[in-house]
Protein backbone atom coordinates (compact mmCIF):
# COMPACT_ATOMS: atom_id res chain seq x y z
CA UNK A 1 2.36 -4.72 -25.61
CA UNK A 2 4.66 -5.91 -22.83
CA UNK A 3 4.11 -8.72 -20.73
CA UNK A 4 5.51 -9.24 -17.25
CA UNK A 5 6.85 -12.42 -16.48
CA UNK A 6 8.06 -12.12 -12.97
CA UNK A 7 5.63 -13.62 -10.77
CA UNK A 8 5.57 -13.63 -7.07
CA UNK A 9 7.26 -17.13 -5.41
CA UNK A 10 4.65 -19.14 -3.23
CA UNK A 11 5.87 -21.01 -0.74
CA UNK A 12 3.68 -24.07 0.07
CA UNK A 13 4.29 -26.25 2.69
CA UNK A 14 2.02 -29.35 2.75
CA UNK A 15 1.14 -30.99 6.13
CA UNK A 16 -0.25 -34.68 6.47
CA UNK A 17 -2.50 -35.21 9.39
CA UNK A 18 -3.34 -39.12 9.74
CA UNK A 19 -2.83 -41.98 11.49
CA UNK A 20 0.29 -43.27 11.76
CA UNK A 21 1.60 -45.71 9.20
CA UNK A 22 3.86 -48.55 8.70
CA UNK A 23 6.26 -46.31 7.00
CA UNK A 24 5.68 -43.49 9.08
CA UNK A 25 6.55 -45.98 12.38
CA UNK A 26 9.98 -46.80 10.34
CA UNK A 27 10.62 -43.18 9.47
CA UNK A 28 10.38 -42.31 13.02
CA UNK A 29 12.43 -45.30 14.15
CA UNK A 30 14.98 -43.80 11.68
CA UNK A 31 15.03 -39.95 13.13
CA UNK A 32 15.31 -41.69 16.75
CA UNK A 33 18.30 -44.06 16.02
CA UNK A 34 19.91 -41.89 13.45
CA UNK A 35 22.90 -41.27 15.01
CA UNK A 36 23.90 -44.73 16.16
CA UNK A 37 22.19 -46.32 12.52
CA UNK A 38 25.16 -43.76 10.91
CA UNK A 39 27.77 -44.67 12.75
CA UNK A 40 27.39 -47.99 11.53
CA UNK A 41 25.98 -47.58 8.23
CA UNK A 42 26.83 -44.27 7.06
CA UNK A 43 26.37 -43.85 3.27
CA UNK A 44 24.54 -47.06 2.69
CA UNK A 45 20.60 -47.38 1.94
CA UNK A 46 18.80 -49.12 4.75
CA UNK A 47 15.97 -51.60 4.35
CA UNK A 48 13.73 -50.96 7.52
CA UNK A 49 10.69 -53.05 8.72
CA UNK A 50 9.35 -52.97 11.57
CA UNK A 51 11.55 -50.88 13.40
CA UNK A 52 14.12 -52.88 12.34
CA UNK A 53 17.32 -53.16 10.01
CA UNK A 54 16.89 -55.95 7.59
CA UNK A 55 19.44 -55.01 5.24
CA UNK A 56 22.56 -52.64 4.20
CA UNK A 57 23.24 -51.71 0.57
CA UNK A 58 25.94 -49.88 -1.04
CA UNK A 59 23.16 -48.53 -3.85
CA UNK A 60 19.51 -47.46 -3.72
CA UNK A 61 18.88 -50.07 -6.60
CA UNK A 62 20.25 -53.54 -4.56
CA UNK A 63 18.12 -52.01 -1.18
CA UNK A 64 15.38 -52.12 -3.17
CA UNK A 65 15.83 -55.39 -5.17
CA UNK A 66 16.33 -56.91 -2.00
CA UNK A 67 12.90 -55.43 -0.55
CA UNK A 68 11.22 -56.24 -3.01
CA UNK A 69 11.70 -60.07 -2.94
CA UNK A 70 11.89 -60.44 1.00
CA UNK A 71 8.71 -57.53 2.02
CA UNK A 72 4.83 -56.52 0.66
CA UNK A 73 5.68 -53.10 -0.82
CA UNK A 74 4.42 -50.62 1.92
CA UNK A 75 5.96 -52.34 4.46
CA UNK A 76 9.35 -51.39 4.25
CA UNK A 77 11.49 -48.22 4.67
CA UNK A 78 14.14 -47.55 2.06
CA UNK A 79 16.33 -44.84 3.96
CA UNK A 80 20.24 -43.32 2.83
CA UNK A 81 22.10 -42.97 6.69
CA UNK A 82 24.00 -40.02 6.46
CA UNK A 83 24.03 -37.66 8.88
CA UNK A 84 21.56 -34.26 9.61
CA UNK A 85 18.57 -33.92 7.80
CA UNK A 86 19.84 -34.15 4.30
CA UNK A 87 19.18 -37.46 3.86
CA UNK A 88 15.81 -36.77 4.25
CA UNK A 89 14.75 -33.36 3.59
CA UNK A 90 14.55 -31.97 0.14
CA UNK A 91 13.70 -28.54 -1.25
CA UNK A 92 11.72 -27.80 -4.85
CA UNK A 93 11.94 -24.33 -5.90
CA UNK A 94 9.82 -23.02 -8.96
CA UNK A 95 9.05 -19.27 -10.46
CA UNK A 96 5.79 -20.58 -9.54
CA UNK A 97 5.49 -22.71 -6.79
CA UNK A 98 7.98 -23.89 -3.96
CA UNK A 99 7.88 -26.91 -1.88
CA UNK A 100 9.74 -26.50 1.39
């Protein structure tokens, strides 16, 4: 018996619609100010709270350690500051499902 292991790739896009959360507000701040933030913090990890950069760090670990000591979980955004969409866009591919 011959088995066909070729399966079609299914592309799925997830869209969340809800009220703006604190994290969405902080992410929107990053997007709106990305160009100026990159000029100042390019390549660094930012801690963004209440639409303001509260710290910048060389590593994600250092940014996280600072943020959890200073702010309540769910109230801050950790964001790598780089130009373009690469800092906040990821593509996952799998034979069965692809998230874009």
